[in-house]
Amino acid sequence: MNITYPLTIYYDASCPLCATEMHTIKETDFENKLILVDCSNENFNEPAFCPTTKEVMMERIHAVDAAGQWIKGVYVFEIAYKAAGFNKLGQFWGSKTLRPLLSRAYPFIADNRHWLSKTPLPYALNKLLRAFAPS
């Protein structure tokens, strides 16, 4: 998949787990390849060219590249991690071997993200990302 940057990522900033992940990734986006948009904001309206609704965007992570190509779910993580210099984590999300498992696990995580955010998971994710952060 050819991506044209910048990549605009639509995510649920009201979710501590989601916000932790996206903001930590953005901290290492030294080339400004990623634009983060909070689609949980009550004033958010999906872009005119968006192929879906705000409600659907709140269920799963979405992104659109500069050429107008829409991406959803685990593919967004692969691209975002690589764009921010987290090459090993990008390879993890893009692994052909793991992709079937990740594609099944991601909906469970997304559906339960607010509950998972009440656990130590956001803290642990932040620590993990910082350990893998590019310098």
C-alpha atoms as a PDB file:
ATOM      1  CA  MET A   1       0.000   0.000   0.000  1.00  0.00           C
ATOM      2  CA  ASN A   2       1.486   3.344  -1.048  1.00  0.00           C
ATOM      3  CA  ILE A   3       0.806   6.106   1.450  1.00  0.00           C
ATOM      4  CA  THR A   4       1.035   9.791   0.659  1.00  0.00           C
ATOM      5  CA  TYR A   5       1.813  11.896   3.712  1.00  0.00           C
ATOM      6  CA  PRO A   6       0.610  13.537   5.787  1.00  0.00           C
ATOM      7  CA  LEU A   7      -1.636  10.838   7.193  1.00  0.00           C
ATOM      8  CA  THR A   8      -4.623  12.170   9.121  1.00  0.00           C
ATOM      9  CA  ILE A   9      -5.606   9.790  11.916  1.00  0.00           C
ATOM     10  CA  TYR A  10      -9.116   9.934  13.386  1.00  0.00           C
ATOM     11  CA  TYR A  11      -9.115   8.469  16.882  1.00  0.00           C
ATOM     12  CA  ASP A  12     -11.080   8.533  20.141  1.00  0.00           C
ATOM     13  CA  ALA A  13      -9.214  11.007  22.378  1.00  0.00           C
ATOM     14  CA  SER A  14     -11.809  10.446  25.126  1.00  0.00           C
ATOM     15  CA  CYS A  15     -10.248   6.995  25.571  1.00  0.00           C
ATOM     16  CA  PRO A  16      -7.105   7.167  27.742  1.00  0.00           C
ATOM     17  CA  LEU A  17      -5.664   4.076  26.043  1.00  0.00           C
ATOM     18  CA  CYS A  18      -6.169   5.549  22.554  1.00  0.00           C
ATOM     19  CA  ALA A  19      -4.942   8.997  23.543  1.00  0.00           C
ATOM     20  CA  THR A  20      -1.830   7.585  25.216  1.00  0.00           C
ATOM     21  CA  GLU A  21      -0.920   5.574  22.149  1.00  0.00           C
ATOM     22  CA  MET A  22      -1.537   8.314  19.594  1.00  0.00           C
ATOM     23  CA  HIS A  23       0.134  11.094  21.573  1.00  0.00           C
ATOM     24  CA  THR A  24       3.188   8.973  22.333  1.00  0.00           C
ATOM     25  CA  ILE A  25       3.527   8.085  18.653  1.00  0.00           C
ATOM     26  CA  LYS A  26       3.110  11.730  17.665  1.00  0.00           C
ATOM     27  CA  GLU A  27       5.951  12.756  20.024  1.00  0.00           C
ATOM     28  CA  THR A  28       8.425  10.953  17.744  1.00  0.00           C
ATOM     29  CA  ASP A  29       6.866  12.133  14.482  1.00  0.00           C
ATOM     30  CA  PHE A  30       9.800  14.434  13.765  1.00  0.00           C
ATOM     31  CA  GLU A  31       8.891  14.727  10.074  1.00  0.00           C
ATOM     32  CA  ASN A  32       5.253  15.695  10.811  1.00  0.00           C
ATOM     33  CA  LYS A  33       3.855  12.830   8.778  1.00  0.00           C
ATOM     34  CA  LEU A  34       0.900  12.367  11.154  1.00  0.00           C
ATOM     35  CA  ILE A  35      -2.031  14.643  11.913  1.00  0.00           C
ATOM     36  CA  LEU A  36      -4.191  13.587  14.857  1.00  0.00           C
ATOM     37  CA  VAL A  37      -7.907  14.395  14.866  1.00  0.00           C
ATOM     38  CA  ASP A  38     -10.115  13.703  17.867  1.00  0.00           C
ATOM     39  CA  CYS A  39     -13.367  12.329  16.480  1.00  0.00           C
ATOM     40  CA  SER A  40     -14.847  12.052  20.002  1.00  0.00           C
ATOM     41  CA  ASN A  41     -15.150  15.832  20.251  1.00  0.00           C
ATOM     42  CA  GLU A  42     -18.803  16.906  20.199  1.00  0.00           C
ATOM     43  CA  ASN A  43     -17.956  19.516  17.550  1.00  0.00           C
ATOM     44  CA  PHE A  44     -16.343  16.941  15.257  1.00  0.00           C
ATOM     45  CA  ASN A  45     -18.017  16.437  11.911  1.00  0.00           C
ATOM     46  CA  GLU A  46     -16.629  13.875   9.528  1.00  0.00           C
ATOM     47  CA  PRO A  47     -14.978  15.417   6.470  1.00  0.00           C
ATOM     48  CA  ALA A  48     -17.164  15.877   3.403  1.00  0.00           C
ATOM     49  CA  PHE A  49     -15.158  13.254   1.519  1.00  0.00           C
ATOM     50  CA  CYS A  50     -15.363  10.693   4.348  1.00  0.00           C
ATOM     51  CA  PRO A  51     -16.864   7.335   3.280  1.00  0.00           C
ATOM     52  CA  THR A  52     -18.397   6.681   6.707  1.00  0.00           C
ATOM     53  CA  THR A  53     -20.063   8.305   9.702  1.00  0.00           C
ATOM     54  CA  LYS A  54     -18.752   9.697  12.982  1.00  0.00           C
ATOM     55  CA  GLU A  55     -20.347   6.763  14.812  1.00  0.00           C
ATOM     56  CA  VAL A  56     -18.402   4.249  12.721  1.00  0.00           C
ATOM     57  CA  MET A  57     -15.216   6.290  13.113  1.00  0.00           C
ATOM     58  CA  MET A  58     -15.664   6.110  16.884  1.00  0.00           C
ATOM     59  CA  GLU A  59     -15.845   2.302  16.736  1.00  0.00           C
ATOM     60  CA  ARG A  60     -12.503   1.765  14.968  1.00  0.00           C
ATOM     61  CA  ILE A  61      -9.484   3.909  14.176  1.00  0.00           C
ATOM     62  CA  HIS A  62      -9.531   5.478  10.699  1.00  0.00           C
ATOM     63  CA  ALA A  63      -7.008   7.445   8.673  1.00  0.00           C
ATOM     64  CA  VAL A  64      -6.822   9.165   5.318  1.00  0.00           C
ATOM     65  CA  ASP A  65      -3.650   9.950   3.431  1.00  0.00           C
ATOM     66  CA  ALA A  66      -2.923  13.085   1.414  1.00  0.00           C
ATOM     67  CA  ALA A  67      -4.180  11.380  -1.769  1.00  0.00           C
ATOM     68  CA  GLY A  68      -7.582  10.650  -0.189  1.00  0.00           C
ATOM     69  CA  GLN A  69      -6.986   6.932   0.411  1.00  0.00           C
ATOM     70  CA  TRP A  70      -8.894   5.736   3.516  1.00  0.00           C
ATOM     71  CA  ILE A  71      -7.402   3.147   5.874  1.00  0.00           C
ATOM     72  CA  LYS A  72      -9.070   1.454   8.842  1.00  0.00           C
ATOM     73  CA  GLY A  73      -8.097  -0.742  11.781  1.00  0.00           C
ATOM     74  CA  VAL A  74      -4.774  -2.544  12.136  1.00  0.00           C
ATOM     75  CA  TYR A  75      -3.426  -1.074   8.888  1.00  0.00           C
ATOM     76  CA  VAL A  76      -3.538   2.377  10.508  1.00  0.00           C
ATOM     77  CA  PHE A  77      -1.300   1.179  13.335  1.00  0.00           C
ATOM     78  CA  GLU A  78       1.226  -0.333  10.932  1.00  0.00           C
ATOM     79  CA  ILE A  79       1.480   2.880   8.910  1.00  0.00           C
ATOM     80  CA  ALA A  80       1.427   5.247  11.896  1.00  0.00           C
ATOM     81  CA  TYR A  81       4.149   3.405  13.800  1.00  0.00           C
ATOM     82  CA  LYS A  82       6.406   3.277  10.756  1.00  0.00           C
ATOM     83  CA  ALA A  83       5.779   6.957   9.959  1.00  0.00           C
ATOM     84  CA  ALA A  84       6.835   7.940  13.486  1.00  0.00           C
ATOM     85  CA  GLY A  85      10.005   5.837  13.358  1.00  0.00           C
ATOM     86  CA  PHE A  86       8.751   2.855  15.385  1.00  0.00           C
ATOM     87  CA  ASN A  87       9.909   0.465  12.672  1.00  0.00           C
ATOM     88  CA  LYS A  88       9.861  -2.720  14.756  1.00  0.00           C
ATOM     89  CA  LEU A  89       6.336  -2.007  16.020  1.00  0.00           C
ATOM     90  CA  GLY A  90       5.264  -1.139  12.478  1.00  0.00           C
ATOM     91  CA  GLN A  91       6.649  -4.478  11.309  1.00  0.00           C
ATOM     92  CA  PHE A  92       4.793  -6.198  14.154  1.00  0.00           C
ATOM     93  CA  TRP A  93       1.448  -4.678  13.063  1.00  0.00           C
ATOM     94  CA  GLY A  94       2.253  -5.400   9.408  1.00  0.00           C
ATOM     95  CA  SER A  95       3.413  -8.983   9.907  1.00  0.00           C
ATOM     96  CA  LYS A  96       1.699 -11.299   7.446  1.00  0.00           C
ATOM     97  CA  THR A  97       1.923 -14.055  10.054  1.00  0.00           C
ATOM     98  CA  LEU A  98       0.381 -12.006  12.880  1.00  0.00           C
ATOM     99  CA  ARG A  99      -2.096  -9.986  10.789  1.00  0.00           C
ATOM    100  CA  PRO A 100      -4.943 -12.543  11.093  1.00  0.00           C
ATOM    101  CA  LEU A 101      -4.564 -12.643  14.887  1.00  0.00           C
ATOM    102  CA  LEU A 102      -4.222  -8.851  15.197  1.00  0.00           C
ATOM    103  CA  SER A 103      -7.229  -8.324  12.931  1.00  0.00           C
ATOM    104  CA  ARG A 104      -9.296 -10.499  15.272  1.00  0.00           C
ATOM    105  CA  ALA A 105      -7.888  -9.051  18.504  1.00  0.00           C
ATOM    106  CA  TYR A 106      -8.206  -5.381  17.526  1.00  0.00           C
ATOM    107  CA  PRO A 107     -12.055  -5.293  17.461  1.00  0.00           C
ATOM    108  CA  PHE A 108     -12.144  -6.820  20.959  1.00  0.00           C
ATOM    109  CA  ILE A 109      -9.691  -4.196  22.220  1.00  0.00           C
ATOM    110  CA  ALA A 110     -11.523  -1.361  20.437  1.00  0.00           C
ATOM    111  CA  ASP A 111     -14.908  -2.489  21.768  1.00  0.00           C
ATOM    112  CA  ASN A 112     -13.531  -2.663  25.320  1.00  0.00           C
ATOM    113  CA  ARG A 113     -11.095   0.265  25.204  1.00  0.00           C
ATOM    114  CA  HIS A 114     -12.837   2.351  27.860  1.00  0.00           C
ATOM    115  CA  TRP A 115     -12.883  -0.559  30.292  1.00  0.00           C
ATOM    116  CA  LEU A 116      -9.250  -1.409  29.433  1.00  0.00           C
ATOM    117  CA  SER A 117      -8.342   2.225  30.086  1.00  0.00           C
ATOM    118  CA  LYS A 118      -9.320   1.732  33.736  1.00  0.00           C
ATOM    119  CA  THR A 119      -6.575  -0.872  34.100  1.00  0.00           C
ATOM    120  CA  PRO A 120      -2.805  -0.200  34.174  1.00  0.00           C
ATOM    121  CA  LEU A 121      -2.743  -0.834  30.401  1.00  0.00           C
ATOM    122  CA  PRO A 122      -2.380   2.841  29.303  1.00  0.00           C
ATOM    123  CA  TYR A 123       0.569   3.255  31.678  1.00  0.00           C
ATOM    124  CA  ALA A 124       2.158   0.000  30.483  1.00  0.00           C
ATOM    125  CA  LEU A 125       1.598   0.925  26.826  1.00  0.00           C
ATOM    126  CA  ASN A 126       3.229   4.295  27.377  1.00  0.00           C
ATOM    127  CA  LYS A 127       6.263   2.633  28.978  1.00  0.00           C
ATOM    128  CA  LEU A 128       6.478   0.063  26.175  1.00  0.00           C
ATOM    129  CA  LEU A 129       6.275   2.723  23.466  1.00  0.00           C
ATOM    130  CA  ARG A 130       8.917   4.851  25.159  1.00  0.00           C
ATOM    131  CA  ALA A 131      11.196   1.796  25.327  1.00  0.00           C
ATOM    132  CA  PHE A 132      10.814   1.314  21.546  1.00  0.00           C
ATOM    133  CA  ALA A 133      10.872   5.044  20.719  1.00  0.00           C
ATOM    134  CA  PRO A 134      13.288   6.147  18.045  1.00  0.00           C
ATOM    135  CA  SER A 135      15.944   8.556  19.195  1.00  0.00           C
END
